[in-house]
Protein backbone atom coordinates (compact mmCIF):
# COMPACT_ATOMS: atom_id res chain seq x y z
CA MET A 1 -10.35 12.67 -10.90
CA GLY A 2 -6.71 12.13 -12.11
CA ALA A 3 -3.94 14.11 -12.59
CA THR A 4 -3.90 17.58 -11.35
CA THR A 5 -4.47 20.51 -13.56
CA ARG A 6 -3.31 24.59 -13.92
CA GLY A 7 -5.24 25.75 -11.29
CA SER A 8 -7.91 22.77 -10.07
CA ASP A 9 -7.42 19.71 -8.34
CA ARG A 10 -9.73 16.77 -7.48
CA ALA A 11 -11.67 16.62 -4.31
CA LEU A 12 -14.06 14.16 -2.68
CA ARG A 13 -17.55 15.57 -1.20
CA ILE A 14 -19.02 13.54 1.64
CA THR A 15 -21.90 14.10 3.50
CA GLY A 16 -22.09 11.55 6.65
CA GLY A 17 -24.81 9.79 8.16
CA ALA A 18 -25.43 7.16 6.12
CA GLU A 19 -25.12 3.73 6.23
CA LEU A 20 -23.40 0.72 4.05
CA GLN A 21 -24.80 -1.67 2.29
CA GLY A 22 -24.39 -4.27 -0.30
CA ASP A 23 -21.28 -6.22 -1.81
CA ILE A 24 -17.86 -4.80 -2.43
CA CYS A 25 -15.16 -6.72 -4.87
CA VAL A 26 -11.75 -6.08 -3.95
CA SER A 27 -9.29 -4.84 -6.51
CA GLY A 28 -5.57 -6.26 -7.40
CA SER A 29 -2.62 -5.11 -4.99
CA LYS A 30 -0.86 -2.03 -5.99
CA ASN A 31 1.55 -3.73 -3.40
CA ALA A 32 1.81 -7.09 -4.84
CA ALA A 33 1.56 -5.91 -8.50
CA LEU A 34 4.26 -2.79 -8.63
CA PRO A 35 7.19 -5.41 -7.37
CA GLU A 36 5.70 -8.29 -10.40
CA MET A 37 5.99 -5.27 -13.12
CA ALA A 38 9.65 -4.89 -11.85
CA ALA A 39 10.13 -8.93 -11.73
CA ALA A 40 9.16 -8.42 -15.72
CA PHE A 41 13.27 -6.77 -15.83
CA LEU A 42 14.24 -10.41 -14.78
CA THR A 43 13.14 -12.16 -18.30
CA THR A 44 13.58 -11.27 -21.92
CA GLU A 45 10.63 -13.26 -22.59
CA LYS A 46 6.72 -11.81 -21.95
CA VAL A 47 5.44 -11.57 -18.48
CA THR A 48 1.20 -11.09 -18.38
CA LEU A 49 -0.35 -10.05 -15.12
CA GLN A 50 -3.76 -10.47 -14.38
CA ASN A 51 -5.89 -8.40 -11.82
CA VAL A 52 -3.52 -5.25 -11.54
CA PRO A 53 -5.52 -2.51 -10.20
CA ARG A 54 -6.04 0.60 -11.83
CA VAL A 55 -3.99 3.23 -10.15
CA SER A 56 -1.96 6.01 -10.54
CA ASP A 57 0.97 4.13 -8.95
CA THR A 58 0.54 0.89 -11.30
CA ALA A 59 0.49 3.55 -14.05
CA VAL A 60 3.87 5.27 -12.98
CA MET A 61 5.93 1.54 -12.85
CA ALA A 62 3.97 0.88 -16.49
CA GLU A 63 5.59 4.19 -17.67
CA ILE A 64 8.85 3.43 -16.23
CA LEU A 65 9.18 0.27 -17.90
CA GLN A 66 8.51 1.96 -21.13
CA LEU A 67 11.07 4.47 -20.77
CA ALA A 68 13.24 1.75 -20.05
CA GLY A 69 13.11 0.49 -23.68
CA GLY A 70 9.92 -2.33 -22.24
CA GLN A 71 6.54 -2.43 -23.14
CA ALA A 72 3.72 -2.38 -20.83
CA VAL A 73 0.21 -2.72 -22.75
CA GLY A 74 -3.26 -2.82 -20.80
CA GLU A 75 -5.15 -2.28 -17.77
CA GLY A 76 -6.15 -4.77 -15.30
CA MET A 77 -4.63 -7.30 -17.73
CA VAL A 78 -0.89 -6.21 -18.52
CA GLU A 79 1.30 -7.56 -20.33
CA ILE A 80 5.29 -6.27 -19.92
CA ASP A 81 7.92 -7.35 -22.47
CA THR A 82 11.47 -6.09 -21.54
CA GLY A 83 13.41 -8.21 -24.28
CA ARG A 84 14.38 -5.03 -26.07
CA ALA A 85 15.06 -2.98 -22.64
CA SER A 86 18.60 -0.98 -22.43
CA LYS A 87 18.30 1.79 -19.73
CA SER A 88 19.14 0.78 -16.27
CA GLU A 89 18.49 4.23 -14.95
CA VAL A 90 14.74 4.85 -13.32
CA PRO A 91 14.09 8.84 -14.08
CA ASP A 92 13.98 11.06 -11.07
CA GLU A 93 10.65 12.42 -11.95
CA LEU A 94 8.76 9.00 -11.94
CA GLY A 95 10.77 7.48 -9.29
CA ARG A 96 10.45 9.93 -6.58
CA ARG A 97 6.38 9.86 -6.89
CA MET A 98 6.48 6.50 -4.94
CA ARG A 99 8.22 3.97 -2.57
CA ALA A 100 8.15 1.23 -5.05
CA THR A 101 10.93 2.30 -7.24
CA ILE A 102 13.37 0.81 -4.94
CA VAL A 103 12.61 -2.56 -5.82
CA LEU A 104 13.83 -1.46 -9.31
CA LEU A 105 17.65 -1.72 -7.67
CA GLY A 106 17.79 -5.25 -7.47
CA ALA A 107 15.71 -6.02 -10.52
CA LEU A 108 17.72 -3.75 -13.04
CA LEU A 109 20.97 -4.84 -11.14
CA SER A 110 20.53 -8.52 -11.91
CA ARG A 111 19.22 -7.83 -15.60
CA PHE A 112 21.68 -5.33 -16.18
CA GLY A 113 24.61 -5.42 -13.71
CA GLN A 114 23.85 -1.80 -12.97
CA ALA A 115 21.05 0.17 -11.86
CA ARG A 116 20.30 3.95 -10.94
CA VAL A 117 17.39 4.63 -8.89
CA PRO A 118 16.71 8.22 -6.76
CA ARG A 119 15.83 8.04 -3.53
CA PRO A 120 12.50 6.54 -2.24
CA GLY A 121 9.68 8.83 -2.76
CA GLY A 122 6.15 8.45 -1.63
CA ASP A 123 4.42 9.17 1.23
CA ASP A 124 5.98 11.34 3.89
CA ILE A 125 5.70 8.70 6.95
CA GLY A 126 9.20 8.51 8.23
CA ALA A 127 12.59 7.75 7.94
CA ARG A 128 12.52 5.28 4.45
CA ARG A 129 15.73 2.48 5.96
CA VAL A 130 17.12 1.14 3.13
CA GLU A 131 20.78 0.44 4.22
CA GLN A 132 19.10 -3.20 5.08
CA HIS A 133 18.64 -3.11 1.23
CA LEU A 134 22.22 -1.90 0.26
CA ARG A 135 24.29 -3.92 3.20
CA GLY A 136 22.55 -7.64 1.40
CA LEU A 137 23.38 -6.48 -2.13
CA ARG A 138 26.81 -6.18 -0.98
CA GLN A 139 26.87 -8.61 0.64
CA MET A 140 26.04 -10.29 -2.95
CA GLY A 141 29.11 -8.46 -4.37
CA ALA A 142 27.47 -5.35 -5.18
CA HIS A 143 29.20 -2.16 -5.20
CA ILE A 144 26.81 0.63 -4.27
CA GLU A 145 27.49 4.72 -4.22
CA GLU A 146 24.81 6.67 -2.23
CA THR A 147 24.41 10.60 -2.46
CA HIS A 148 21.30 12.43 -0.67
CA ASP A 149 19.60 12.18 -4.14
CA GLU A 150 20.39 8.83 -5.91
CA ILE A 151 21.67 5.39 -5.57
CA VAL A 152 24.10 3.74 -8.41
CA ALA A 153 24.97 -0.08 -7.90
CA ARG A 154 27.19 -2.19 -9.87
CA ALA A 155 28.13 -5.58 -10.06
CA ASP A 156 30.14 -7.81 -12.22
CA HIS A 157 29.02 -10.78 -10.82
CA LEU A 158 26.40 -11.61 -7.82
CA ARG A 159 26.99 -14.57 -5.75
CA GLY A 160 24.48 -16.10 -3.34
CA ALA A 161 24.85 -15.03 0.43
CA ARG A 162 23.51 -15.35 4.20
CA ILE A 163 21.38 -12.15 4.58
CA VAL A 164 19.64 -10.98 8.08
CA PHE A 165 17.54 -8.27 8.29
CA ASP A 166 17.50 -6.36 11.94
CA LEU A 167 13.96 -5.76 10.94
CA PRO A 168 11.48 -7.52 8.56
CA THR A 169 11.60 -5.41 5.14
CA VAL A 170 9.04 -5.76 2.64
CA THR A 171 10.84 -4.00 -0.59
CA GLY A 172 14.16 -4.82 1.11
CA THR A 173 13.04 -8.69 1.13
CA GLU A 174 11.50 -8.24 -2.36
CA ASN A 175 14.97 -6.27 -3.35
CA ILE A 176 17.37 -9.34 -2.39
CA LEU A 177 15.00 -11.72 -4.10
CA PHE A 178 15.65 -10.21 -7.30
CA ALA A 179 19.02 -10.20 -6.51
CA ALA A 180 19.18 -13.73 -5.81
CA VAL A 181 17.39 -15.85 -8.48
CA THR A 182 19.80 -15.36 -10.83
CA ALA A 183 22.57 -14.84 -8.46
CA GLU A 184 25.50 -18.19 -8.35
CA GLY A 185 24.52 -20.49 -5.58
CA ARG A 186 22.60 -19.87 -2.76
CA THR A 187 21.25 -17.11 -0.47
CA GLU A 188 19.46 -17.49 2.74
CA ILE A 189 17.29 -14.58 3.97
CA PHE A 190 16.75 -14.50 7.91
CA ASN A 191 13.88 -12.02 8.86
CA ALA A 192 12.37 -11.88 5.96
CA ALA A 193 8.89 -10.20 5.62
CA ARG A 194 6.03 -12.58 5.59
CA GLU A 195 3.51 -10.02 3.83
CA PRO A 196 0.72 -11.84 1.87
CA HIS A 197 1.99 -9.32 -1.37
CA VAL A 198 5.61 -10.30 -0.83
CA GLN A 199 3.97 -14.14 -0.65
CA ASP A 200 2.69 -13.19 -3.95
CA LEU A 201 6.16 -12.32 -5.62
CA CYS A 202 7.44 -15.43 -5.19
CA ARG A 203 4.84 -17.02 -6.34
CA LEU A 204 5.22 -15.50 -9.58
CA LEU A 205 9.15 -15.83 -9.36
CA VAL A 206 8.56 -19.48 -8.90
CA LYS A 207 6.48 -19.54 -11.85
CA MET A 208 9.01 -17.79 -14.20
CA GLY A 209 11.58 -20.65 -12.69
CA ALA A 210 13.69 -19.36 -9.71
CA HIS A 211 14.08 -21.82 -7.02
CA ILE A 212 12.23 -20.13 -3.63
CA ASP A 213 11.81 -22.33 -0.23
CA GLY A 214 10.02 -21.12 2.57
CA ILE A 215 7.27 -18.82 1.34
CA GLY A 216 5.31 -17.73 3.58
CA THR A 217 7.81 -17.72 6.64
CA GLU A 218 11.00 -15.84 8.37
CA ARG A 219 13.57 -17.88 6.33
CA LEU A 220 13.60 -17.91 2.60
CA ILE A 221 16.04 -19.78 0.83
CA VAL A 222 17.33 -19.23 -2.58
CA GLU A 223 19.04 -21.23 -5.12
CA GLY A 224 20.23 -19.04 -8.31
CA ILE A 225 19.94 -20.06 -12.16
CA LYS A 226 20.80 -18.59 -14.77
CA ASN A 227 17.83 -17.54 -16.62
CA LEU A 228 14.22 -17.05 -15.95
CA ARG A 229 11.34 -16.98 -17.92
CA GLY A 230 8.10 -15.51 -18.99
CA ALA A 231 4.86 -16.41 -16.98
CA GLU A 232 1.21 -15.56 -16.56
CA HIS A 233 0.08 -14.73 -12.83
CA THR A 234 -2.86 -13.63 -11.51
CA VAL A 235 -2.09 -10.29 -8.48
CA ILE A 236 -3.22 -11.40 -5.17
CA ALA A 237 -6.39 -8.92 -3.99
CA ASP A 238 -5.29 -6.11 -1.93
CA TYR A 239 -6.42 -6.89 1.71
CA LEU A 240 -5.65 -3.11 3.06
CA GLU A 241 -8.32 -2.30 0.56
CA ALA A 242 -10.53 -4.93 1.88
CA GLY A 243 -9.64 -3.68 5.60
CA THR A 244 -10.40 -0.16 4.66
CA TYR A 245 -13.90 -1.00 3.98
CA ALA A 246 -14.16 -3.52 6.64
CA LEU A 247 -13.18 -0.54 9.29
CA ALA A 248 -15.77 2.07 7.24
CA VAL A 249 -18.66 -0.08 7.54
CA ALA A 250 -17.90 -0.83 11.53
CA ALA A 251 -17.42 2.67 11.77
CA ALA A 252 -20.60 4.19 9.87
CA GLY A 253 -23.07 1.28 10.69
CA GLY A 254 -24.26 -0.90 8.35
CA ASP A 255 -24.02 -4.48 6.65
CA LEU A 256 -21.15 -4.95 4.33
CA ARG A 257 -19.96 -7.92 2.12
CA ILE A 258 -16.70 -8.01 0.86
CA GLU A 259 -15.86 -10.47 -1.72
CA CYS A 260 -12.84 -11.18 -4.51
CA THR A 261 -10.33 -11.13 -0.92
CA ARG A 262 -9.26 -13.56 1.36
CA PRO A 263 -9.90 -13.03 4.87
CA GLU A 264 -7.23 -15.22 6.33
CA ASP A 265 -4.86 -12.30 5.08
CA LEU A 266 -6.84 -9.76 7.66
CA GLU A 267 -7.46 -12.20 10.58
CA LEU A 268 -6.24 -9.77 13.76
CA LEU A 269 -8.14 -7.00 12.10
CA LEU A 270 -11.35 -8.87 11.63
CA LEU A 271 -10.75 -10.02 15.56
CA LYS A 272 -10.17 -6.15 16.55
CA LEU A 273 -13.64 -5.71 15.22
CA GLU A 274 -15.21 -8.68 16.97
CA GLN A 275 -13.78 -7.04 19.83
CA ALA A 276 -15.00 -3.73 18.79
CA GLY A 277 -18.61 -4.77 18.95
CA ALA A 278 -18.95 -5.57 15.06
CA ARG A 279 -20.32 -8.48 14.19
CA VAL A 280 -17.95 -10.71 11.26
CA GLU A 281 -18.56 -13.67 9.65
CA ALA A 282 -16.02 -14.97 7.01
CA GLY A 283 -15.92 -17.58 4.44
CA GLU A 284 -13.31 -18.81 1.71
CA ASP A 285 -13.33 -15.53 -0.36
CA TRP A 286 -15.28 -13.01 1.28
CA PHE A 287 -16.59 -11.65 4.62
CA ARG A 288 -19.22 -9.63 6.16
CA VAL A 289 -19.01 -6.90 8.75
CA ALA A 290 -22.00 -5.54 10.19
CA ARG A 291 -22.99 -3.02 13.27
CA ASP A 292 -25.94 -1.29 14.15
CA PRO A 293 -25.16 2.38 14.31
CA HIS A 294 -26.75 2.80 17.58
CA THR A 295 -25.42 -0.12 18.96
CA PRO A 296 -21.88 1.64 21.16
CA LEU A 297 -18.06 0.92 19.91
CA ARG A 298 -15.91 -0.45 22.44
CA PRO A 299 -12.53 1.09 22.78
CA THR A 300 -10.33 -1.76 21.66
CA ASP A 301 -6.03 -0.91 21.89
CA MET A 302 -3.79 -2.10 18.87
CA SER A 303 -0.08 -1.84 17.90
CA THR A 304 1.36 -1.90 14.18
CA TRP A 305 3.66 -4.79 13.42
CA THR A 306 4.97 -6.23 10.53
CA PHE A 307 2.58 -9.36 9.03
CA PRO A 308 0.85 -11.17 10.61
CA GLY A 309 0.49 -8.46 12.56
CA PHE A 310 -1.63 -5.50 12.79
CA PRO A 311 -0.53 -3.96 9.16
CA THR A 312 0.58 -0.05 9.49
CA ASP A 313 -0.99 0.73 6.17
CA LEU A 314 -4.31 0.12 8.32
CA GLN A 315 -3.92 2.07 11.60
CA ALA A 316 -4.68 5.59 10.37
CA GLN A 317 -8.10 4.30 9.36
CA TYR A 318 -8.53 2.01 12.48
CA MET A 319 -7.74 5.57 14.42
CA ALA A 320 -10.76 6.86 12.77
CA LEU A 321 -12.90 3.66 14.10
CA MET A 322 -11.72 4.64 17.54
CA THR A 323 -12.78 8.00 17.64
CA GLN A 324 -16.42 6.54 17.91
CA ALA A 325 -15.93 3.99 20.48
CA ASP A 326 -16.80 4.60 24.17
CA GLY A 327 -14.06 5.66 25.97
CA GLU A 328 -10.16 5.63 25.33
CA THR A 329 -8.21 3.61 22.99
CA VAL A 330 -4.48 3.37 23.09
CA ILE A 331 -2.61 3.09 19.35
CA SER A 332 0.89 2.14 19.32
CA GLU A 333 2.72 2.97 15.81
CA TYR A 334 5.75 0.27 15.60
CA VAL A 335 6.51 -0.13 11.82
CA HIS A 336 6.92 3.99 10.82
CA GLU A 337 8.07 6.90 13.04
CA ASN A 338 5.94 9.88 11.23
CA ARG A 339 2.47 7.80 10.74
CA PHE A 340 0.58 9.87 12.70
CA GLN A 341 -0.06 12.52 9.99
CA HIS A 342 -4.00 12.19 9.79
CA VAL A 343 -4.43 13.17 13.48
CA ARG A 344 -4.56 16.81 12.81
CA GLU A 345 -7.08 16.40 10.58
CA LEU A 346 -9.27 14.05 12.62
CA ALA A 347 -8.77 17.34 15.63
CA LYS A 348 -10.25 19.45 13.27
CA MET A 349 -13.31 17.44 12.85
CA GLY A 350 -13.48 17.70 16.53
CA ALA A 351 -11.78 14.21 17.54
CA GLY A 352 -10.00 14.15 20.98
CA ILE A 353 -6.50 12.77 20.25
CA THR A 354 -3.34 12.74 22.66
CA VAL A 355 -0.09 11.91 20.68
CA GLU A 356 2.59 11.07 23.27
CA GLY A 357 6.15 10.62 21.71
CA ARG A 358 6.46 8.90 17.51
CA LEU A 359 4.96 5.50 19.11
CA HIS A 360 1.29 6.11 20.95
CA ALA A 361 -1.58 8.03 20.35
CA ILE A 362 -4.87 8.08 22.76
CA VAL A 363 -8.07 8.47 20.98
CA HIS A 364 -10.57 9.92 23.57
CA GLY A 365 -14.23 8.98 22.42
CA PRO A 366 -16.59 8.88 21.35
CA ALA A 367 -16.25 12.02 19.28
CA ARG A 368 -19.10 14.21 17.78
CA LEU A 369 -17.37 15.07 14.47
CA ARG A 370 -18.06 17.63 12.48
CA GLY A 371 -17.89 17.78 8.47
CA THR A 372 -15.21 20.37 7.38
CA GLU A 373 -12.86 20.88 4.68
CA LEU A 374 -9.37 19.09 4.78
CA ALA A 375 -6.17 18.60 3.17
CA ILE A 376 -5.50 14.63 2.52
CA PRO A 377 -1.66 14.54 3.88
CA ASP A 378 -1.10 10.46 2.45
CA ILE A 379 -2.83 7.62 0.92
CA ARG A 380 -3.51 5.68 3.79
CA SER A 381 -4.14 9.14 6.41
CA GLY A 382 -6.64 10.12 2.67
CA ALA A 383 -8.56 6.70 3.90
CA ALA A 384 -8.98 7.21 7.49
CA LEU A 385 -10.18 11.06 6.73
CA VAL A 386 -12.74 9.69 4.28
CA ILE A 387 -13.94 7.06 7.07
CA ALA A 388 -14.29 10.10 9.41
CA ALA A 389 -16.42 12.13 6.94
CA MET A 390 -19.02 9.26 6.87
CA CYS A 391 -19.21 9.58 10.38
CA ALA A 392 -19.43 13.32 11.01
CA GLU A 393 -22.51 15.93 11.22
CA GLY A 394 -22.86 18.04 8.18
CA GLU A 395 -20.19 18.04 4.49
CA SER A 396 -17.04 17.31 4.61
CA VAL A 397 -14.66 18.54 1.48
CA LEU A 398 -11.18 16.34 1.48
CA ARG A 399 -8.23 18.16 -1.05
CA ASN A 400 -5.68 16.57 -2.65
CA ALA A 401 -7.97 13.37 -3.53
CA TRP A 402 -5.30 12.26 -6.02
CA HIS A 403 -3.33 10.51 -2.87
CA LEU A 404 -6.53 7.92 -2.91
CA GLU A 405 -6.09 7.22 -6.69
CA ARG A 406 -2.04 6.13 -6.02
CA GLY A 407 -3.48 2.85 -3.88
CA TYR A 408 -7.21 2.24 -4.13
CA GLU A 409 -8.90 1.63 -6.99
CA ASP A 410 -12.42 3.62 -7.87
CA MET A 411 -12.68 4.17 -4.27
CA GLU A 412 -15.39 6.81 -4.80
CA GLY A 413 -17.44 4.37 -7.09
CA LYS A 414 -17.27 1.71 -4.68
CA LEU A 415 -18.57 3.27 -1.41
CA ALA A 416 -21.03 4.93 -3.70
CA SER A 417 -22.45 1.84 -5.07
CA VAL A 418 -22.91 0.90 -0.84
CA GLY A 419 -24.57 4.23 0.13
CA ALA A 420 -22.36 6.29 1.19
CA LEU A 421 -22.53 9.93 0.14
CA ILE A 422 -19.53 10.67 -1.65
CA LYS A 423 -18.85 12.48 -4.76
CA SER A 424 -16.14 13.64 -6.79
CA VAL A 425 -15.81 17.40 -7.56
CA SER A 426 -13.49 20.14 -8.92
CA ILE A 427 -11.85 22.51 -7.00
CA ASP A 428 -10.35 25.56 -8.00
CA SER A 429 -7.33 26.74 -5.99
CA GLU A 430 -6.89 30.17 -7.40
CA ALA A 431 -9.75 30.98 -6.14
CA GLY A 432 -8.87 31.74 -2.90
CA ALA A 433 -9.98 31.34 0.56
CA GLY A 434 -13.08 28.40 0.93
CA HIS A 435 -12.20 27.29 -2.81
CA ARG A 436 -14.73 27.38 -5.63
CA LEU A 437 -16.28 23.78 -6.28
CA TYR A 438 -17.52 22.11 -9.34
CA GLU A 439 -19.14 19.03 -10.06
């Protein structure tokens, strides 16, 4: 797959009806790796990260580090050295490719006393609220100017402060952490995000010398120090990737052992899968999900919320699963306001889904899904369409597969290794209706 070229793109061709059997090793977390790469700006010493996922978003972050004057070398194991970094601006074209570049605001401000970042990009899943980030940084002494296109921050001197978030925010918590670890005095963050990737970032910062108490709780206490040091760190496993494959085998049927991951990060999802009729078994660094495809799934309502609630990044995939359940399922999305974009594409396959307002969708199952050509609108919707295609009759072609490359390392290869009938193909976008496919 890879970058789009003129006149062609990559697509996934999936034939439904195959069960999944075997084991999959989960890659490192994109949502942990990106802020951990940004954390390298906080020191002039080398930061080495192991288990960095080979996805396009981490490649973009590496390019940003290099354009700032630093070095980011390697794949899987990435060695980062920002000792000679001198630029505190994030290029617009790179910065708008993903949401995570917003955390560079706090990292660059902490390092250089100034920062300029474009407005967050990434998936179009609703309003990207950054006012909590900016309010917190202003409380710490930053002067911030905003336009429609950019955010510019300056601070001669950052001071510790009492920061209260009205809602938990992952990137907001990370931005304040970046500012607080080298600020003068004590910073308290109330209603902090507790997601596994936020905890993992805290562990890296502690290795770098930061003083952080309350990791994994709603209240983080940071005692600022003048300088951080280099460190080596292994990026946590991607529980969202693990959850996606768990939902895939529950939908398509089969028996899948998902390894190199922590089941405690997915307790609510695994509970929902058991309630829906799947068999679940878990160990220390693995879990297993199995379902006979001839056994009906039970409809199981679900509401998303911040960790340890049900992850919003698994909502679309869960909806794909519930299209196969015998009855009506109510799915409520309380984290993002525009996260039902997959509904239109699922409906093209024959799914019966009613959206009520911005928060609720009712899935009418079981649906007899039919393979067709679809366009992937974002990362997680793409994963949902892959799951639906594996349950559908016939063949599906999923265009815009580059979305999946942003967040999943070799999804095609991993699913094919456990029996999915999935293949990456070129699609000629200049061939007119129907498009021409190439192996």
